[in-house]
Amino acid sequence: MNETEQLVTKITEGIQEKKGKGIVIANLTEIEDTICNYLIICQGNSPSQVAAIVDSIKDYVREELGTKPSAVDGLNNAEWVAMDYSDVIVHIFLPEARNFYDLEHLWEDAKLTEIPDLD
């Protein structure tokens, strides 16, 4: 497993730790001119859960891989938070914002992997 794949795994574990739902991993490695290799999309039910997912991802990745995100944006209202790990960008949404922006549809030419919810 390469470094980017390890990062994807640790981010996914961080999301699951805080009961994030609807995890989708978009593999963009076969698509030209993308800003990253993977997008990870998930959702929380409330702004506080979205913020908890962000903190959990940071903790899992830092403890296991010693890496921090280069940027985290959207925590003020926590409807849509983006975390930039260079090769991997994570989007944590509230359900209404996720439905509105529909990133999975935008990246439908990518290889999409849905991770089953843990409950």
N, C-alpha and C. Protein backbone atom coordinates (compact mmCIF):
# COMPACT_ATOMS: atom_id res chain seq x y z
N MET A 1 0.86 -1.19 0.00
CA MET A 1 0.00 0.00 0.00
C MET A 1 0.90 1.24 0.00
N ASN A 2 0.69 2.13 -0.97
CA ASN A 2 1.53 3.33 -1.02
C ASN A 2 1.05 4.37 -0.02
N GLU A 3 1.81 5.46 0.08
CA GLU A 3 1.53 6.50 1.08
C GLU A 3 0.14 7.12 0.90
N THR A 4 -0.24 7.37 -0.34
CA THR A 4 -1.55 7.97 -0.60
C THR A 4 -2.67 7.01 -0.21
N GLU A 5 -2.51 5.72 -0.52
CA GLU A 5 -3.52 4.74 -0.14
C GLU A 5 -3.63 4.61 1.38
N GLN A 6 -2.49 4.70 2.09
CA GLN A 6 -2.52 4.69 3.55
C GLN A 6 -3.28 5.90 4.07
N LEU A 7 -3.05 7.04 3.44
CA LEU A 7 -3.75 8.27 3.83
C LEU A 7 -5.26 8.10 3.66
N VAL A 8 -5.68 7.56 2.52
CA VAL A 8 -7.11 7.32 2.27
C VAL A 8 -7.68 6.41 3.36
N THR A 9 -6.95 5.35 3.72
CA THR A 9 -7.41 4.41 4.75
C THR A 9 -7.56 5.11 6.10
N LYS A 10 -6.58 5.89 6.50
CA LYS A 10 -6.62 6.56 7.81
C LYS A 10 -7.72 7.62 7.85
N ILE A 11 -7.92 8.34 6.76
CA ILE A 11 -9.01 9.32 6.70
C ILE A 11 -10.35 8.61 6.86
N THR A 12 -10.51 7.49 6.15
CA THR A 12 -11.76 6.72 6.24
C THR A 12 -12.00 6.24 7.67
N GLU A 13 -10.95 5.76 8.33
CA GLU A 13 -11.09 5.31 9.72
C GLU A 13 -11.48 6.47 10.64
N GLY A 14 -10.90 7.64 10.40
CA GLY A 14 -11.24 8.82 11.19
C GLY A 14 -12.70 9.21 11.02
N ILE A 15 -13.21 9.10 9.80
CA ILE A 15 -14.63 9.40 9.54
C ILE A 15 -15.50 8.39 10.28
N GLN A 16 -15.17 7.11 10.16
CA GLN A 16 -15.97 6.06 10.78
C GLN A 16 -15.96 6.16 12.30
N GLU A 17 -14.85 6.61 12.86
CA GLU A 17 -14.74 6.73 14.32
C GLU A 17 -15.82 7.65 14.88
N LYS A 18 -16.20 8.68 14.12
CA LYS A 18 -17.23 9.63 14.56
C LYS A 18 -18.56 9.39 13.85
N LYS A 19 -18.75 8.18 13.34
CA LYS A 19 -20.03 7.76 12.74
C LYS A 19 -20.42 8.58 11.51
N GLY A 20 -19.40 9.05 10.76
CA GLY A 20 -19.69 9.71 9.49
C GLY A 20 -20.36 8.72 8.55
N LYS A 21 -21.27 9.21 7.74
CA LYS A 21 -22.08 8.35 6.87
C LYS A 21 -21.81 8.61 5.40
N GLY A 22 -22.24 7.66 4.57
CA GLY A 22 -22.21 7.84 3.13
C GLY A 22 -20.83 8.14 2.57
N ILE A 23 -19.82 7.39 3.03
CA ILE A 23 -18.45 7.65 2.58
C ILE A 23 -18.30 7.17 1.13
N VAL A 24 -17.83 8.08 0.28
CA VAL A 24 -17.53 7.75 -1.11
C VAL A 24 -16.10 8.18 -1.38
N ILE A 25 -15.32 7.26 -1.94
CA ILE A 25 -13.94 7.57 -2.33
C ILE A 25 -13.91 7.63 -3.86
N ALA A 26 -13.52 8.79 -4.38
CA ALA A 26 -13.40 8.98 -5.83
C ALA A 26 -11.92 8.89 -6.19
N ASN A 27 -11.59 7.87 -6.98
CA ASN A 27 -10.22 7.69 -7.45
C ASN A 27 -10.07 8.47 -8.76
N LEU A 28 -9.27 9.53 -8.71
CA LEU A 28 -9.10 10.41 -9.87
C LEU A 28 -7.79 10.15 -10.60
N THR A 29 -7.08 9.07 -10.25
CA THR A 29 -5.74 8.85 -10.80
C THR A 29 -5.76 8.62 -12.31
N GLU A 30 -6.88 8.17 -12.85
CA GLU A 30 -6.97 7.93 -14.30
C GLU A 30 -7.49 9.14 -15.08
N ILE A 31 -7.78 10.22 -14.37
CA ILE A 31 -8.34 11.41 -15.01
C ILE A 31 -7.26 12.48 -15.09
N GLU A 32 -7.09 13.05 -16.26
CA GLU A 32 -6.04 14.05 -16.44
C GLU A 32 -6.41 15.40 -15.82
N ASP A 33 -5.37 16.13 -15.42
CA ASP A 33 -5.50 17.51 -14.95
C ASP A 33 -6.42 17.68 -13.74
N THR A 34 -6.31 16.79 -12.77
CA THR A 34 -7.06 16.97 -11.53
C THR A 34 -6.12 17.54 -10.47
N ILE A 35 -6.70 18.18 -9.46
CA ILE A 35 -5.86 18.82 -8.43
C ILE A 35 -5.41 17.83 -7.36
N CYS A 36 -5.96 16.61 -7.37
CA CYS A 36 -5.57 15.61 -6.38
C CYS A 36 -5.79 14.23 -7.00
N ASN A 37 -5.37 13.20 -6.28
CA ASN A 37 -5.55 11.82 -6.75
C ASN A 37 -6.83 11.17 -6.24
N TYR A 38 -7.28 11.62 -5.06
CA TYR A 38 -8.50 11.06 -4.46
C TYR A 38 -9.33 12.17 -3.84
N LEU A 39 -10.64 12.03 -3.96
CA LEU A 39 -11.60 12.83 -3.21
C LEU A 39 -12.32 11.87 -2.28
N ILE A 40 -12.48 12.29 -1.04
CA ILE A 40 -13.29 11.50 -0.11
C ILE A 40 -14.45 12.39 0.33
N ILE A 41 -15.66 11.87 0.16
CA ILE A 41 -16.87 12.63 0.45
C ILE A 41 -17.64 11.87 1.53
N CYS A 42 -18.13 12.59 2.54
CA CYS A 42 -18.96 11.96 3.56
C CYS A 42 -19.87 13.00 4.17
N GLN A 43 -20.67 12.59 5.14
CA GLN A 43 -21.56 13.55 5.79
C GLN A 43 -21.72 13.24 7.26
N GLY A 44 -22.05 14.31 7.98
CA GLY A 44 -22.43 14.23 9.38
C GLY A 44 -23.83 14.82 9.51
N ASN A 45 -24.53 14.50 10.60
CA ASN A 45 -25.92 14.94 10.76
C ASN A 45 -26.08 16.33 11.34
N SER A 46 -25.01 16.89 11.91
CA SER A 46 -25.10 18.21 12.54
C SER A 46 -23.77 18.91 12.39
N PRO A 47 -23.75 20.25 12.53
CA PRO A 47 -22.47 20.95 12.48
C PRO A 47 -21.47 20.43 13.52
N SER A 48 -21.95 20.07 14.70
CA SER A 48 -21.01 19.56 15.72
C SER A 48 -20.44 18.20 15.31
N GLN A 49 -21.24 17.36 14.65
CA GLN A 49 -20.71 16.07 14.18
C GLN A 49 -19.72 16.29 13.05
N VAL A 50 -20.01 17.22 12.14
CA VAL A 50 -19.07 17.54 11.06
C VAL A 50 -17.73 17.97 11.65
N ALA A 51 -17.77 18.85 12.64
CA ALA A 51 -16.53 19.33 13.29
C ALA A 51 -15.80 18.18 13.98
N ALA A 52 -16.56 17.26 14.61
CA ALA A 52 -15.95 16.11 15.29
C ALA A 52 -15.27 15.19 14.27
N ILE A 53 -15.88 15.02 13.11
CA ILE A 53 -15.29 14.20 12.05
C ILE A 53 -13.97 14.82 11.60
N VAL A 54 -13.96 16.14 11.41
CA VAL A 54 -12.73 16.85 11.01
C VAL A 54 -11.62 16.59 12.04
N ASP A 55 -11.94 16.75 13.32
CA ASP A 55 -10.94 16.53 14.37
C ASP A 55 -10.45 15.08 14.39
N SER A 56 -11.36 14.15 14.20
CA SER A 56 -11.01 12.73 14.20
C SER A 56 -10.08 12.41 13.03
N ILE A 57 -10.38 12.94 11.84
CA ILE A 57 -9.50 12.71 10.69
C ILE A 57 -8.11 13.26 10.99
N LYS A 58 -8.05 14.51 11.50
CA LYS A 58 -6.75 15.11 11.84
C LYS A 58 -5.97 14.21 12.79
N ASP A 59 -6.64 13.72 13.84
CA ASP A 59 -5.98 12.88 14.85
C ASP A 59 -5.47 11.57 14.25
N TYR A 60 -6.33 10.87 13.51
CA TYR A 60 -5.94 9.59 12.92
C TYR A 60 -4.74 9.75 11.99
N VAL A 61 -4.80 10.74 11.13
CA VAL A 61 -3.73 10.92 10.14
C VAL A 61 -2.43 11.36 10.83
N ARG A 62 -2.54 12.28 11.78
CA ARG A 62 -1.33 12.75 12.47
C ARG A 62 -0.68 11.62 13.27
N GLU A 63 -1.48 10.86 14.02
CA GLU A 63 -0.94 9.79 14.86
C GLU A 63 -0.33 8.66 14.04
N GLU A 64 -0.97 8.30 12.94
CA GLU A 64 -0.52 7.14 12.16
C GLU A 64 0.51 7.50 11.09
N LEU A 65 0.38 8.67 10.49
CA LEU A 65 1.23 9.02 9.34
C LEU A 65 2.07 10.28 9.57
N GLY A 66 1.83 10.97 10.67
CA GLY A 66 2.61 12.18 10.96
C GLY A 66 2.36 13.33 10.01
N THR A 67 1.17 13.36 9.42
CA THR A 67 0.84 14.37 8.41
C THR A 67 -0.30 15.26 8.91
N LYS A 68 -0.24 16.54 8.53
CA LYS A 68 -1.33 17.47 8.84
C LYS A 68 -1.91 17.99 7.52
N PRO A 69 -3.18 18.40 7.54
CA PRO A 69 -3.74 18.98 6.30
C PRO A 69 -3.07 20.33 6.02
N SER A 70 -2.88 20.62 4.74
CA SER A 70 -2.30 21.93 4.39
C SER A 70 -3.34 23.03 4.55
N ALA A 71 -4.63 22.67 4.51
CA ALA A 71 -5.70 23.65 4.70
C ALA A 71 -6.97 22.93 5.15
N VAL A 72 -7.74 23.63 5.99
CA VAL A 72 -9.08 23.18 6.39
C VAL A 72 -9.97 24.40 6.24
N ASP A 73 -11.04 24.28 5.45
CA ASP A 73 -11.89 25.43 5.20
C ASP A 73 -13.35 25.06 5.43
N GLY A 74 -14.11 25.96 6.04
CA GLY A 74 -15.55 25.77 6.20
C GLY A 74 -15.99 25.45 7.62
N LEU A 75 -15.07 25.46 8.57
CA LEU A 75 -15.44 25.10 9.95
C LEU A 75 -16.34 26.14 10.62
N ASN A 76 -16.37 27.37 10.11
CA ASN A 76 -17.19 28.41 10.76
C ASN A 76 -18.65 28.01 10.86
N ASN A 77 -19.24 27.54 9.76
CA ASN A 77 -20.63 27.11 9.84
C ASN A 77 -20.76 25.58 9.76
N ALA A 78 -19.68 24.91 9.39
CA ALA A 78 -19.61 23.44 9.35
C ALA A 78 -20.77 22.80 8.57
N GLU A 79 -21.18 23.45 7.47
CA GLU A 79 -22.13 22.82 6.55
C GLU A 79 -21.38 22.02 5.50
N TRP A 80 -20.20 22.51 5.14
CA TRP A 80 -19.34 21.85 4.17
C TRP A 80 -17.91 22.21 4.56
N VAL A 81 -17.16 21.23 5.03
CA VAL A 81 -15.76 21.45 5.39
C VAL A 81 -14.89 20.70 4.40
N ALA A 82 -13.89 21.38 3.87
CA ALA A 82 -12.92 20.76 2.97
C ALA A 82 -11.58 20.70 3.68
N MET A 83 -10.94 19.53 3.58
CA MET A 83 -9.61 19.32 4.17
C MET A 83 -8.67 18.95 3.03
N ASP A 84 -7.54 19.64 2.94
CA ASP A 84 -6.60 19.43 1.84
C ASP A 84 -5.36 18.70 2.35
N TYR A 85 -5.20 17.46 1.92
CA TYR A 85 -3.99 16.68 2.21
C TYR A 85 -3.18 16.49 0.92
N SER A 86 -3.17 17.48 0.04
CA SER A 86 -2.46 17.47 -1.25
C SER A 86 -2.98 16.40 -2.19
N ASP A 87 -2.57 15.14 -2.01
CA ASP A 87 -3.03 14.06 -2.91
C ASP A 87 -4.47 13.66 -2.64
N VAL A 88 -4.97 14.01 -1.45
CA VAL A 88 -6.33 13.62 -1.06
C VAL A 88 -7.05 14.86 -0.52
N ILE A 89 -8.24 15.11 -1.05
CA ILE A 89 -9.07 16.19 -0.53
C ILE A 89 -10.33 15.56 0.05
N VAL A 90 -10.65 15.97 1.29
CA VAL A 90 -11.80 15.40 2.00
C VAL A 90 -12.90 16.46 2.07
N HIS A 91 -14.12 16.04 1.77
CA HIS A 91 -15.29 16.93 1.87
C HIS A 91 -16.25 16.31 2.89
N ILE A 92 -16.53 17.06 3.97
CA ILE A 92 -17.48 16.60 4.98
C ILE A 92 -18.67 17.55 4.94
N PHE A 93 -19.84 17.00 4.63
CA PHE A 93 -21.04 17.80 4.42
C PHE A 93 -22.10 17.54 5.47
N LEU A 94 -23.00 18.52 5.63
CA LEU A 94 -24.33 18.23 6.17
C LEU A 94 -25.15 17.66 5.00
N PRO A 95 -26.16 16.83 5.28
CA PRO A 95 -26.90 16.17 4.19
C PRO A 95 -27.46 17.13 3.14
N GLU A 96 -28.05 18.27 3.55
CA GLU A 96 -28.66 19.19 2.58
C GLU A 96 -27.59 19.77 1.64
N ALA A 97 -26.44 20.15 2.20
CA ALA A 97 -25.36 20.72 1.37
C ALA A 97 -24.81 19.65 0.43
N ARG A 98 -24.69 18.43 0.93
CA ARG A 98 -24.18 17.35 0.07
C ARG A 98 -25.11 17.12 -1.12
N ASN A 99 -26.41 17.08 -0.85
CA ASN A 99 -27.37 16.89 -1.94
C ASN A 99 -27.32 18.05 -2.93
N PHE A 100 -27.16 19.26 -2.43
CA PHE A 100 -27.13 20.45 -3.28
C PHE A 100 -25.91 20.44 -4.21
N TYR A 101 -24.73 20.20 -3.66
CA TYR A 101 -23.50 20.27 -4.46
C TYR A 101 -23.23 19.01 -5.27
N ASP A 102 -23.71 17.87 -4.79
CA ASP A 102 -23.69 16.61 -5.55
C ASP A 102 -22.34 16.34 -6.21
N LEU A 103 -21.26 16.34 -5.41
CA LEU A 103 -19.92 16.14 -5.96
C LEU A 103 -19.76 14.79 -6.65
N GLU A 104 -20.45 13.77 -6.15
CA GLU A 104 -20.34 12.46 -6.79
C GLU A 104 -20.75 12.54 -8.26
N HIS A 105 -21.78 13.33 -8.54
CA HIS A 105 -22.24 13.48 -9.92
C HIS A 105 -21.20 14.23 -10.76
N LEU A 106 -20.57 15.24 -10.16
CA LEU A 106 -19.53 15.99 -10.89
C LEU A 106 -18.35 15.10 -11.28
N TRP A 107 -18.05 14.13 -10.44
CA TRP A 107 -16.90 13.26 -10.66
C TRP A 107 -17.33 11.85 -11.07
N GLU A 108 -18.47 11.74 -11.77
CA GLU A 108 -18.99 10.42 -12.08
C GLU A 108 -18.11 9.63 -13.04
N ASP A 109 -17.17 10.32 -13.73
CA ASP A 109 -16.25 9.58 -14.60
C ASP A 109 -15.07 9.00 -13.83
N ALA A 110 -14.98 9.30 -12.54
CA ALA A 110 -13.96 8.71 -11.68
C ALA A 110 -14.44 7.34 -11.21
N LYS A 111 -13.50 6.54 -10.71
CA LYS A 111 -13.87 5.26 -10.09
C LYS A 111 -14.35 5.58 -8.68
N LEU A 112 -15.67 5.38 -8.44
CA LEU A 112 -16.26 5.69 -7.14
C LEU A 112 -16.42 4.42 -6.31
N THR A 113 -15.94 4.48 -5.07
CA THR A 113 -16.07 3.35 -4.14
C THR A 113 -16.90 3.81 -2.96
N GLU A 114 -18.02 3.13 -2.73
CA GLU A 114 -18.86 3.47 -1.57
C GLU A 114 -18.47 2.56 -0.41
N ILE A 115 -18.22 3.19 0.74
CA ILE A 115 -17.85 2.44 1.95
C ILE A 115 -19.13 2.27 2.77
N PRO A 116 -19.49 1.04 3.13
CA PRO A 116 -20.71 0.83 3.91
C PRO A 116 -20.66 1.55 5.27
N ASP A 117 -21.80 2.08 5.71
CA ASP A 117 -21.87 2.70 7.04
C ASP A 117 -21.64 1.60 8.09
N LEU A 118 -21.04 2.00 9.21
CA LEU A 118 -20.65 1.02 10.23
C LEU A 118 -21.74 0.63 11.22
N ASP A 119 -22.86 1.32 11.25
CA ASP A 119 -23.83 1.00 12.30
C ASP A 119 -24.62 -0.20 11.97
